[in-house]
């Protein structure tokens, strides 16, 4: 796969060069609370983040033991959408599961 970071692209018609940077990525995180069930967290990870049962269980344990677990790294719009979906699911379940995103 080509490395596009800091690649120079020159337009042959104009002679103008453009630096091409990789898009900014965002880490999506789930945060521990005392009310969301482990089963619900696993369900969220499987449905929203397409994790296998074992991957979801491992991330859920990280959330439980470390207070936070990484669900994945995505471009801004995808990360934002996943945070929104998790928030909607948590609201429907009447639990305070917090999902956030941070720039990588």
C-alpha atoms as a PDB file:
ATOM      1  CA  UNK A   1       0.000   0.000   0.000  1.00  0.00           C
ATOM      2  CA  UNK A   2       1.384   3.410  -0.924  1.00  0.00           C
ATOM      3  CA  UNK A   3       2.389   5.809   1.820  1.00  0.00           C
ATOM      4  CA  UNK A   4       0.520   9.042   1.117  1.00  0.00           C
ATOM      5  CA  UNK A   5       1.800  10.967   4.125  1.00  0.00           C
ATOM      6  CA  UNK A   6       3.687  14.058   2.973  1.00  0.00           C
ATOM      7  CA  UNK A   7       3.597  12.886  -0.656  1.00  0.00           C
ATOM      8  CA  UNK A   8       3.926  15.693  -3.181  1.00  0.00           C
ATOM      9  CA  UNK A   9       1.429  15.712  -6.037  1.00  0.00           C
ATOM     10  CA  UNK A  10       2.236  18.032  -8.950  1.00  0.00           C
ATOM     11  CA  UNK A  11      -0.441  19.016 -11.425  1.00  0.00           C
ATOM     12  CA  UNK A  12       1.287  18.723 -14.846  1.00  0.00           C
ATOM     13  CA  UNK A  13      -0.997  21.385 -16.372  1.00  0.00           C
ATOM     14  CA  UNK A  14      -0.267  24.103 -13.802  1.00  0.00           C
ATOM     15  CA  UNK A  15       2.990  23.009 -12.212  1.00  0.00           C
ATOM     16  CA  UNK A  16       1.389  23.592  -8.789  1.00  0.00           C
ATOM     17  CA  UNK A  17       2.342  21.147  -6.073  1.00  0.00           C
ATOM     18  CA  UNK A  18       0.108  20.069  -3.205  1.00  0.00           C
ATOM     19  CA  UNK A  19       1.087  18.337   0.003  1.00  0.00           C
ATOM     20  CA  UNK A  20      -1.224  15.414   0.652  1.00  0.00           C
ATOM     21  CA  UNK A  21      -1.669  14.603   4.328  1.00  0.00           C
ATOM     22  CA  UNK A  22      -3.398  11.606   5.810  1.00  0.00           C
ATOM     23  CA  UNK A  23      -6.837  12.436   7.212  1.00  0.00           C
ATOM     24  CA  UNK A  24      -6.992  12.908  10.957  1.00  0.00           C
ATOM     25  CA  UNK A  25      -8.102   9.760  12.777  1.00  0.00           C
ATOM     26  CA  UNK A  26     -10.148   9.509  15.945  1.00  0.00           C
ATOM     27  CA  UNK A  27     -10.079   6.864  18.665  1.00  0.00           C
ATOM     28  CA  UNK A  28     -13.540   5.845  19.920  1.00  0.00           C
ATOM     29  CA  UNK A  29     -13.658   4.952  23.605  1.00  0.00           C
ATOM     30  CA  UNK A  30     -16.170   3.396  25.989  1.00  0.00           C
ATOM     31  CA  UNK A  31     -16.029   4.490  29.638  1.00  0.00           C
ATOM     32  CA  UNK A  32     -16.873   2.426  32.690  1.00  0.00           C
ATOM     33  CA  UNK A  33     -19.869   3.207  34.866  1.00  0.00           C
ATOM     34  CA  UNK A  34     -21.589   1.368  37.712  1.00  0.00           C
ATOM     35  CA  UNK A  35     -24.874   0.745  35.880  1.00  0.00           C
ATOM     36  CA  UNK A  36     -24.335  -0.506  32.318  1.00  0.00           C
ATOM     37  CA  UNK A  37     -24.246  -4.280  32.259  1.00  0.00           C
ATOM     38  CA  UNK A  38     -21.324  -6.163  30.821  1.00  0.00           C
ATOM     39  CA  UNK A  39     -23.745  -7.895  28.464  1.00  0.00           C
ATOM     40  CA  UNK A  40     -24.968  -4.557  27.113  1.00  0.00           C
ATOM     41  CA  UNK A  41     -21.402  -3.333  26.545  1.00  0.00           C
ATOM     42  CA  UNK A  42     -20.583  -6.534  24.634  1.00  0.00           C
ATOM     43  CA  UNK A  43     -23.770  -6.115  22.576  1.00  0.00           C
ATOM     44  CA  UNK A  44     -22.787  -2.532  21.679  1.00  0.00           C
ATOM     45  CA  UNK A  45     -19.317  -3.652  20.637  1.00  0.00           C
ATOM     46  CA  UNK A  46     -20.682  -6.441  18.446  1.00  0.00           C
ATOM     47  CA  UNK A  47     -23.425  -4.363  16.803  1.00  0.00           C
ATOM     48  CA  UNK A  48     -21.832  -0.934  16.417  1.00  0.00           C
ATOM     49  CA  UNK A  49     -18.162  -1.844  16.077  1.00  0.00           C
ATOM     50  CA  UNK A  50     -18.589  -5.272  14.405  1.00  0.00           C
ATOM     51  CA  UNK A  51     -16.390  -7.020  16.983  1.00  0.00           C
ATOM     52  CA  UNK A  52     -16.364 -10.782  17.408  1.00  0.00           C
ATOM     53  CA  UNK A  53     -17.671 -12.145  20.701  1.00  0.00           C
ATOM     54  CA  UNK A  54     -14.135 -12.656  22.027  1.00  0.00           C
ATOM     55  CA  UNK A  55     -12.938  -9.201  20.893  1.00  0.00           C
ATOM     56  CA  UNK A  56     -16.005  -7.601  22.459  1.00  0.00           C
ATOM     57  CA  UNK A  57     -15.461  -9.488  25.719  1.00  0.00           C
ATOM     58  CA  UNK A  58     -11.810  -8.364  25.869  1.00  0.00           C
ATOM     59  CA  UNK A  59     -12.691  -4.706  25.255  1.00  0.00           C
ATOM     60  CA  UNK A  60     -15.515  -4.926  27.817  1.00  0.00           C
ATOM     61  CA  UNK A  61     -13.037  -6.271  30.384  1.00  0.00           C
ATOM     62  CA  UNK A  62     -10.686  -3.362  29.624  1.00  0.00           C
ATOM     63  CA  UNK A  63     -13.582  -0.959  30.189  1.00  0.00           C
ATOM     64  CA  UNK A  64     -14.454  -2.715  33.442  1.00  0.00           C
ATOM     65  CA  UNK A  65     -10.913  -3.060  34.824  1.00  0.00           C
ATOM     66  CA  UNK A  66      -9.146   0.023  33.426  1.00  0.00           C
ATOM     67  CA  UNK A  67     -12.101   2.407  33.280  1.00  0.00           C
ATOM     68  CA  UNK A  68     -11.909   2.825  29.515  1.00  0.00           C
ATOM     69  CA  UNK A  69     -11.636   0.634  26.415  1.00  0.00           C
ATOM     70  CA  UNK A  70     -10.769   1.451  22.824  1.00  0.00           C
ATOM     71  CA  UNK A  71     -13.376   0.370  20.283  1.00  0.00           C
ATOM     72  CA  UNK A  72     -11.473   1.382  17.164  1.00  0.00           C
ATOM     73  CA  UNK A  73      -9.862   4.188  15.191  1.00  0.00           C
ATOM     74  CA  UNK A  74     -11.872   5.881  12.459  1.00  0.00           C
ATOM     75  CA  UNK A  75     -12.094   9.016  10.308  1.00  0.00           C
ATOM     76  CA  UNK A  76     -13.980  11.865  12.018  1.00  0.00           C
ATOM     77  CA  UNK A  77     -17.420  11.335  10.472  1.00  0.00           C
ATOM     78  CA  UNK A  78     -17.455   7.593  11.155  1.00  0.00           C
ATOM     79  CA  UNK A  79     -16.226   8.055  14.729  1.00  0.00           C
ATOM     80  CA  UNK A  80     -18.862  10.735  15.321  1.00  0.00           C
ATOM     81  CA  UNK A  81     -21.600   8.479  13.948  1.00  0.00           C
ATOM     82  CA  UNK A  82     -20.533   5.530  16.117  1.00  0.00           C
ATOM     83  CA  UNK A  83     -20.490   7.730  19.247  1.00  0.00           C
ATOM     84  CA  UNK A  84     -24.000   8.918  18.384  1.00  0.00           C
ATOM     85  CA  UNK A  85     -25.308   5.379  17.823  1.00  0.00           C
ATOM     86  CA  UNK A  86     -23.863   4.162  21.134  1.00  0.00           C
ATOM     87  CA  UNK A  87     -25.396   7.144  22.936  1.00  0.00           C
ATOM     88  CA  UNK A  88     -28.796   6.379  21.387  1.00  0.00           C
ATOM     89  CA  UNK A  89     -28.574   2.711  22.354  1.00  0.00           C
ATOM     90  CA  UNK A  90     -27.606   3.627  25.924  1.00  0.00           C
ATOM     91  CA  UNK A  91     -30.491   6.089  26.192  1.00  0.00           C
ATOM     92  CA  UNK A  92     -32.952   3.414  25.002  1.00  0.00           C
ATOM     93  CA  UNK A  93     -31.584   1.015  27.626  1.00  0.00           C
ATOM     94  CA  UNK A  94     -31.747   3.803  30.242  1.00  0.00           C
ATOM     95  CA  UNK A  95     -28.113   3.369  31.169  1.00  0.00           C
ATOM     96  CA  UNK A  96     -25.334   5.952  31.339  1.00  0.00           C
ATOM     97  CA  UNK A  97     -22.810   4.234  29.063  1.00  0.00           C
ATOM     98  CA  UNK A  98     -20.473   6.961  27.875  1.00  0.00           C
ATOM     99  CA  UNK A  99     -18.830   6.789  24.481  1.00  0.00           C
ATOM    100  CA  UNK A 100     -16.340   9.458  23.429  1.00  0.00           C
ATOM    101  CA  UNK A 101     -13.847  10.138  20.672  1.00  0.00           C
ATOM    102  CA  UNK A 102     -10.406  11.707  20.744  1.00  0.00           C
ATOM    103  CA  UNK A 103      -7.973  12.685  18.045  1.00  0.00           C
ATOM    104  CA  UNK A 104      -5.186  10.154  17.534  1.00  0.00           C
END
